[in-house]
Amino acid sequence: MASRVLDAINNKGNHEVGNLNSIDIDLVPYGAECDGDIDNFLLVEMFYDDSDDYKTKCKVLSDATLKSFLIASVEERFLGTSPQAPYVEELVDFYNGDGELARLVYLNKGLRFETSAFEKNTGLTTIVKGNVAHFDVATKKYIISEVGSEHADYATAYTKFEVVYYEDDGSYTLCEKELVRLEVIS
């Protein structure tokens, strides 16, 4: 017989994953409440909800020309190790839920992080160190481009990134998702 709990145990998430690679990070004090479900390691914009005592909220970036923040909440994993609870939560199961308080990181120049939320720009065949990137609001992914052949929206993006590490052999993964390491350059 099926059950909701059994379904939850058997279904693996497919959320974006990543890591912060900088030791010195600046956090938005007290974070912000999520307006909708948001995967970690995406860019968000902050706003104040005047109908709720000007509560600080965040949503996925809607305009790449706006100042943004990296959403990087800490995952608290359930590690069931007994025969009665063998399930282990994987990082792909986590996301920031609507109404939850999220940790936001200032995108200071030099900040490094890894993310699985990326794709190659049209015409780019191989991702290499030195490629550039920006956050695409339509796909909710970082678009990686070759210098000199940047995506059309790269020039107007408020925050720009440089690829500082990528392995194309499938060995640089987290929860079986490929990662790219980006550094904020402006």
C-alpha atoms as a PDB file:
ATOM      1  CA  MET A   1       0.000   0.000   0.000  1.00  0.00           C
ATOM      2  CA  ALA A   2       1.271   3.522  -0.835  1.00  0.00           C
ATOM      3  CA  SER A   3       1.618   6.368   1.613  1.00  0.00           C
ATOM      4  CA  ARG A   4       2.561  10.021   1.539  1.00  0.00           C
ATOM      5  CA  VAL A   5       5.618   9.317   3.705  1.00  0.00           C
ATOM      6  CA  LEU A   6       6.786   6.501   1.410  1.00  0.00           C
ATOM      7  CA  ASP A   7       6.387   8.819  -1.589  1.00  0.00           C
ATOM      8  CA  ALA A   8       8.460  11.480   0.173  1.00  0.00           C
ATOM      9  CA  ILE A   9      11.189   8.968   0.987  1.00  0.00           C
ATOM     10  CA  ASN A  10      11.360   7.571  -2.547  1.00  0.00           C
ATOM     11  CA  ASN A  11      11.293  10.879  -4.437  1.00  0.00           C
ATOM     12  CA  LYS A  12      14.659  12.562  -4.856  1.00  0.00           C
ATOM     13  CA  GLY A  13      14.761  16.346  -5.172  1.00  0.00           C
ATOM     14  CA  ASN A  14      16.236  18.173  -8.131  1.00  0.00           C
ATOM     15  CA  HIS A  15      17.052  21.544  -6.585  1.00  0.00           C
ATOM     16  CA  GLU A  16      20.197  23.534  -7.340  1.00  0.00           C
ATOM     17  CA  VAL A  17      23.220  22.918  -5.123  1.00  0.00           C
ATOM     18  CA  GLY A  18      26.494  24.675  -4.417  1.00  0.00           C
ATOM     19  CA  ASN A  19      29.064  25.836  -1.891  1.00  0.00           C
ATOM     20  CA  LEU A  20      30.428  29.108  -0.604  1.00  0.00           C
ATOM     21  CA  ASN A  21      34.204  29.165  -1.171  1.00  0.00           C
ATOM     22  CA  SER A  22      35.050  32.478   0.478  1.00  0.00           C
ATOM     23  CA  ILE A  23      35.877  32.551   4.178  1.00  0.00           C
ATOM     24  CA  ASP A  24      35.131  36.232   4.627  1.00  0.00           C
ATOM     25  CA  ILE A  25      31.495  36.816   3.663  1.00  0.00           C
ATOM     26  CA  ASP A  26      29.120  39.637   4.505  1.00  0.00           C
ATOM     27  CA  LEU A  27      25.594  38.588   5.403  1.00  0.00           C
ATOM     28  CA  VAL A  28      22.406  40.626   5.293  1.00  0.00           C
ATOM     29  CA  PRO A  29      21.532  40.997   8.991  1.00  0.00           C
ATOM     30  CA  TYR A  30      18.571  38.770   9.930  1.00  0.00           C
ATOM     31  CA  GLY A  31      18.203  37.585   6.314  1.00  0.00           C
ATOM     32  CA  ALA A  32      14.952  37.972   4.423  1.00  0.00           C
ATOM     33  CA  GLU A  33      11.680  36.090   4.153  1.00  0.00           C
ATOM     34  CA  CYS A  34      11.262  34.217   0.858  1.00  0.00           C
ATOM     35  CA  ASP A  35       8.462  35.334  -1.422  1.00  0.00           C
ATOM     36  CA  GLY A  36       7.922  31.968  -3.115  1.00  0.00           C
ATOM     37  CA  ASP A  37      10.114  28.859  -3.220  1.00  0.00           C
ATOM     38  CA  ILE A  38      13.758  29.640  -4.102  1.00  0.00           C
ATOM     39  CA  ASP A  39      16.679  27.281  -4.725  1.00  0.00           C
ATOM     40  CA  ASN A  40      19.988  27.975  -3.011  1.00  0.00           C
ATOM     41  CA  PHE A  41      22.831  29.652  -4.932  1.00  0.00           C
ATOM     42  CA  LEU A  42      20.565  31.747  -7.137  1.00  0.00           C
ATOM     43  CA  LEU A  43      20.492  35.534  -7.175  1.00  0.00           C
ATOM     44  CA  VAL A  44      17.666  37.307  -5.402  1.00  0.00           C
ATOM     45  CA  GLU A  45      16.480  40.866  -4.983  1.00  0.00           C
ATOM     46  CA  MET A  46      15.429  42.267  -1.634  1.00  0.00           C
ATOM     47  CA  PHE A  47      12.335  44.367  -1.055  1.00  0.00           C
ATOM     48  CA  TYR A  48      10.209  45.591   1.814  1.00  0.00           C
ATOM     49  CA  ASP A  49       6.592  44.528   2.216  1.00  0.00           C
ATOM     50  CA  ASP A  50       4.756  47.677   3.295  1.00  0.00           C
ATOM     51  CA  SER A  51       1.603  45.661   4.038  1.00  0.00           C
ATOM     52  CA  ASP A  52       3.482  43.647   6.670  1.00  0.00           C
ATOM     53  CA  ASP A  53       5.279  46.304   8.755  1.00  0.00           C
ATOM     54  CA  TYR A  54       7.922  46.715   6.038  1.00  0.00           C
ATOM     55  CA  LYS A  55       9.158  43.157   6.514  1.00  0.00           C
ATOM     56  CA  THR A  56      12.337  42.402   4.544  1.00  0.00           C
ATOM     57  CA  LYS A  57      11.580  39.892   1.788  1.00  0.00           C
ATOM     58  CA  CYS A  58      13.415  38.389  -1.152  1.00  0.00           C
ATOM     59  CA  LYS A  59      12.463  36.863  -4.484  1.00  0.00           C
ATOM     60  CA  VAL A  60      14.385  35.448  -7.419  1.00  0.00           C
ATOM     61  CA  LEU A  61      16.018  38.275  -9.347  1.00  0.00           C
ATOM     62  CA  SER A  62      13.547  39.688 -11.895  1.00  0.00           C
ATOM     63  CA  ASP A  63      15.816  42.258 -13.578  1.00  0.00           C
ATOM     64  CA  ALA A  64      19.551  41.632 -14.045  1.00  0.00           C
ATOM     65  CA  THR A  65      20.255  45.375 -13.900  1.00  0.00           C
ATOM     66  CA  LEU A  66      19.223  45.486 -10.214  1.00  0.00           C
ATOM     67  CA  LYS A  67      21.470  44.995  -7.213  1.00  0.00           C
ATOM     68  CA  SER A  68      21.203  41.398  -6.071  1.00  0.00           C
ATOM     69  CA  PHE A  69      22.248  39.011  -3.321  1.00  0.00           C
ATOM     70  CA  LEU A  70      23.261  35.356  -3.285  1.00  0.00           C
ATOM     71  CA  ILE A  71      20.803  33.138  -1.426  1.00  0.00           C
ATOM     72  CA  ALA A  72      22.870  30.577   0.488  1.00  0.00           C
ATOM     73  CA  SER A  73      20.899  29.184   3.408  1.00  0.00           C
ATOM     74  CA  VAL A  74      22.387  26.470   5.568  1.00  0.00           C
ATOM     75  CA  GLU A  75      20.904  23.016   5.025  1.00  0.00           C
ATOM     76  CA  GLU A  76      20.070  21.039   8.169  1.00  0.00           C
ATOM     77  CA  ARG A  77      20.179  17.435   7.018  1.00  0.00           C
ATOM     78  CA  PHE A  78      18.378  14.467   8.526  1.00  0.00           C
ATOM     79  CA  LEU A  79      20.809  11.571   8.588  1.00  0.00           C
ATOM     80  CA  GLY A  80      18.769   8.484   9.416  1.00  0.00           C
ATOM     81  CA  THR A  81      21.280   5.741  10.113  1.00  0.00           C
ATOM     82  CA  SER A  82      19.189   3.101  11.812  1.00  0.00           C
ATOM     83  CA  PRO A  83      17.431   0.274   9.938  1.00  0.00           C
ATOM     84  CA  GLN A  84      14.128   1.929  10.851  1.00  0.00           C
ATOM     85  CA  ALA A  85      15.242   5.288   9.380  1.00  0.00           C
ATOM     86  CA  PRO A  86      17.713   4.585   6.559  1.00  0.00           C
ATOM     87  CA  TYR A  87      16.821   7.674   4.547  1.00  0.00           C
ATOM     88  CA  VAL A  88      19.415  10.435   4.266  1.00  0.00           C
ATOM     89  CA  GLU A  89      18.403  13.862   3.001  1.00  0.00           C
ATOM     90  CA  GLU A  90      20.548  14.925   0.064  1.00  0.00           C
ATOM     91  CA  LEU A  91      21.431  18.522  -0.768  1.00  0.00           C
ATOM     92  CA  VAL A  92      19.264  18.336  -3.927  1.00  0.00           C
ATOM     93  CA  ASP A  93      16.261  17.920  -1.606  1.00  0.00           C
ATOM     94  CA  PHE A  94      16.686  21.385  -0.063  1.00  0.00           C
ATOM     95  CA  TYR A  95      15.265  24.721  -1.115  1.00  0.00           C
ATOM     96  CA  ASN A  96      14.135  27.910   0.604  1.00  0.00           C
ATOM     97  CA  GLY A  97      10.377  27.617   1.083  1.00  0.00           C
ATOM     98  CA  ASP A  98       7.824  30.370   0.708  1.00  0.00           C
ATOM     99  CA  GLY A  99       7.711  32.366   3.960  1.00  0.00           C
ATOM    100  CA  GLU A 100      10.956  30.911   5.338  1.00  0.00           C
ATOM    101  CA  LEU A 101      13.787  33.124   6.518  1.00  0.00           C
ATOM    102  CA  ALA A 102      16.770  32.818   4.130  1.00  0.00           C
ATOM    103  CA  ARG A 103      20.444  33.680   4.518  1.00  0.00           C
ATOM    104  CA  LEU A 104      21.526  36.304   1.990  1.00  0.00           C
ATOM    105  CA  VAL A 105      25.146  37.026   1.085  1.00  0.00           C
ATOM    106  CA  TYR A 106      26.380  40.360  -0.262  1.00  0.00           C
ATOM    107  CA  LEU A 107      27.992  39.941  -3.687  1.00  0.00           C
ATOM    108  CA  ASN A 108      31.226  41.712  -2.804  1.00  0.00           C
ATOM    109  CA  LYS A 109      33.978  41.728  -5.403  1.00  0.00           C
ATOM    110  CA  GLY A 110      36.077  38.588  -4.959  1.00  0.00           C
ATOM    111  CA  LEU A 111      33.301  36.435  -3.438  1.00  0.00           C
ATOM    112  CA  ARG A 112      33.629  32.852  -4.708  1.00  0.00           C
ATOM    113  CA  PHE A 113      30.959  30.184  -4.785  1.00  0.00           C
ATOM    114  CA  GLU A 114      30.041  27.037  -6.671  1.00  0.00           C
ATOM    115  CA  THR A 115      26.660  26.428  -8.252  1.00  0.00           C
ATOM    116  CA  SER A 116      24.901  23.836 -10.346  1.00  0.00           C
ATOM    117  CA  ALA A 117      22.589  26.509 -11.793  1.00  0.00           C
ATOM    118  CA  PHE A 118      24.482  27.274 -14.997  1.00  0.00           C
ATOM    119  CA  GLU A 119      24.375  26.736 -18.733  1.00  0.00           C
ATOM    120  CA  LYS A 120      26.592  27.566 -21.695  1.00  0.00           C
ATOM    121  CA  ASN A 121      25.893  30.554 -23.908  1.00  0.00           C
ATOM    122  CA  THR A 122      25.048  29.764 -27.523  1.00  0.00           C
ATOM    123  CA  GLY A 123      28.280  29.008 -29.375  1.00  0.00           C
ATOM    124  CA  LEU A 124      30.315  28.145 -26.278  1.00  0.00           C
ATOM    125  CA  THR A 125      31.629  24.609 -26.595  1.00  0.00           C
ATOM    126  CA  THR A 126      33.885  24.283 -23.560  1.00  0.00           C
ATOM    127  CA  ILE A 127      33.795  26.074 -20.228  1.00  0.00           C
ATOM    128  CA  VAL A 128      37.272  27.194 -19.167  1.00  0.00           C
ATOM    129  CA  LYS A 129      38.803  29.354 -16.470  1.00  0.00           C
ATOM    130  CA  GLY A 130      38.478  32.979 -17.515  1.00  0.00           C
ATOM    131  CA  ASN A 131      35.020  32.697 -19.105  1.00  0.00           C
ATOM    132  CA  VAL A 132      32.515  35.266 -17.858  1.00  0.00           C
ATOM    133  CA  ALA A 133      28.976  34.855 -16.568  1.00  0.00           C
ATOM    134  CA  HIS A 134      25.865  36.706 -15.529  1.00  0.00           C
ATOM    135  CA  PHE A 135      22.564  35.622 -13.974  1.00  0.00           C
ATOM    136  CA  ASP A 136      19.777  35.174 -16.499  1.00  0.00           C
ATOM    137  CA  VAL A 137      16.394  36.025 -15.005  1.00  0.00           C
ATOM    138  CA  ALA A 138      14.450  34.031 -17.611  1.00  0.00           C
ATOM    139  CA  THR A 139      16.187  30.681 -17.015  1.00  0.00           C
ATOM    140  CA  LYS A 140      17.222  31.332 -13.381  1.00  0.00           C
ATOM    141  CA  LYS A 141      20.720  30.168 -14.296  1.00  0.00           C
ATOM    142  CA  TYR A 142      24.143  31.703 -14.726  1.00  0.00           C
ATOM    143  CA  ILE A 143      24.945  31.995 -18.431  1.00  0.00           C
ATOM    144  CA  ILE A 144      28.627  31.220 -19.110  1.00  0.00           C
ATOM    145  CA  SER A 145      30.121  33.087 -22.085  1.00  0.00           C
ATOM    146  CA  GLU A 146      33.459  33.373 -23.805  1.00  0.00           C
ATOM    147  CA  VAL A 147      35.180  36.748 -23.383  1.00  0.00           C
ATOM    148  CA  GLY A 148      34.472  38.743 -26.532  1.00  0.00           C
ATOM    149  CA  SER A 149      31.332  36.716 -27.313  1.00  0.00           C
ATOM    150  CA  GLU A 150      29.255  37.548 -24.259  1.00  0.00           C
ATOM    151  CA  HIS A 151      25.526  36.936 -24.030  1.00  0.00           C
ATOM    152  CA  ALA A 152      23.478  39.989 -25.066  1.00  0.00           C
ATOM    153  CA  ASP A 153      22.415  40.680 -21.455  1.00  0.00           C
ATOM    154  CA  TYR A 154      25.922  40.457 -19.986  1.00  0.00           C
ATOM    155  CA  ALA A 155      26.796  44.109 -20.663  1.00  0.00           C
ATOM    156  CA  THR A 156      23.842  45.465 -18.676  1.00  0.00           C
ATOM    157  CA  ALA A 157      23.944  42.953 -15.798  1.00  0.00           C
ATOM    158  CA  TYR A 158      24.559  44.648 -12.450  1.00  0.00           C
ATOM    159  CA  THR A 159      26.680  41.754 -11.200  1.00  0.00           C
ATOM    160  CA  LYS A 160      29.227  39.982 -13.379  1.00  0.00           C
ATOM    161  CA  PHE A 161      31.219  36.836 -12.671  1.00  0.00           C
ATOM    162  CA  GLU A 162      34.337  35.060 -13.881  1.00  0.00           C
ATOM    163  CA  VAL A 163      34.733  31.287 -14.065  1.00  0.00           C
ATOM    164  CA  VAL A 164      37.624  30.357 -11.771  1.00  0.00           C
ATOM    165  CA  TYR A 165      37.219  26.561 -11.817  1.00  0.00           C
ATOM    166  CA  TYR A 166      35.405  23.934 -13.852  1.00  0.00           C
ATOM    167  CA  GLU A 167      36.082  20.283 -14.671  1.00  0.00           C
ATOM    168  CA  ASP A 168      34.465  18.833 -17.780  1.00  0.00           C
ATOM    169  CA  ASP A 169      35.067  15.179 -16.911  1.00  0.00           C
ATOM    170  CA  GLY A 170      32.117  14.663 -14.576  1.00  0.00           C
ATOM    171  CA  SER A 171      34.296  14.471 -11.465  1.00  0.00           C
ATOM    172  CA  TYR A 172      33.419  17.939 -10.180  1.00  0.00           C
ATOM    173  CA  THR A 173      29.910  17.294  -8.945  1.00  0.00           C
ATOM    174  CA  LEU A 174      27.720  17.562  -5.883  1.00  0.00           C
ATOM    175  CA  CYS A 175      24.799  15.128  -5.633  1.00  0.00           C
ATOM    176  CA  GLU A 176      25.566  14.153  -9.242  1.00  0.00           C
ATOM    177  CA  LYS A 177      25.115  17.749 -10.459  1.00  0.00           C
ATOM    178  CA  GLU A 178      27.950  19.472 -12.298  1.00  0.00           C
ATOM    179  CA  LEU A 179      29.371  22.553 -10.618  1.00  0.00           C
ATOM    180  CA  VAL A 180      31.098  25.684 -11.812  1.00  0.00           C
ATOM    181  CA  ARG A 181      33.034  27.982  -9.447  1.00  0.00           C
ATOM    182  CA  LEU A 182      32.341  31.664 -10.014  1.00  0.00           C
ATOM    183  CA  GLU A 183      33.963  34.812  -8.636  1.00  0.00           C
ATOM    184  CA  VAL A 184      32.263  38.198  -8.467  1.00  0.00           C
ATOM    185  CA  ILE A 185      34.198  40.654 -10.642  1.00  0.00           C
ATOM    186  CA  SER A 186      31.781  43.609 -10.588  1.00  0.00           C
END
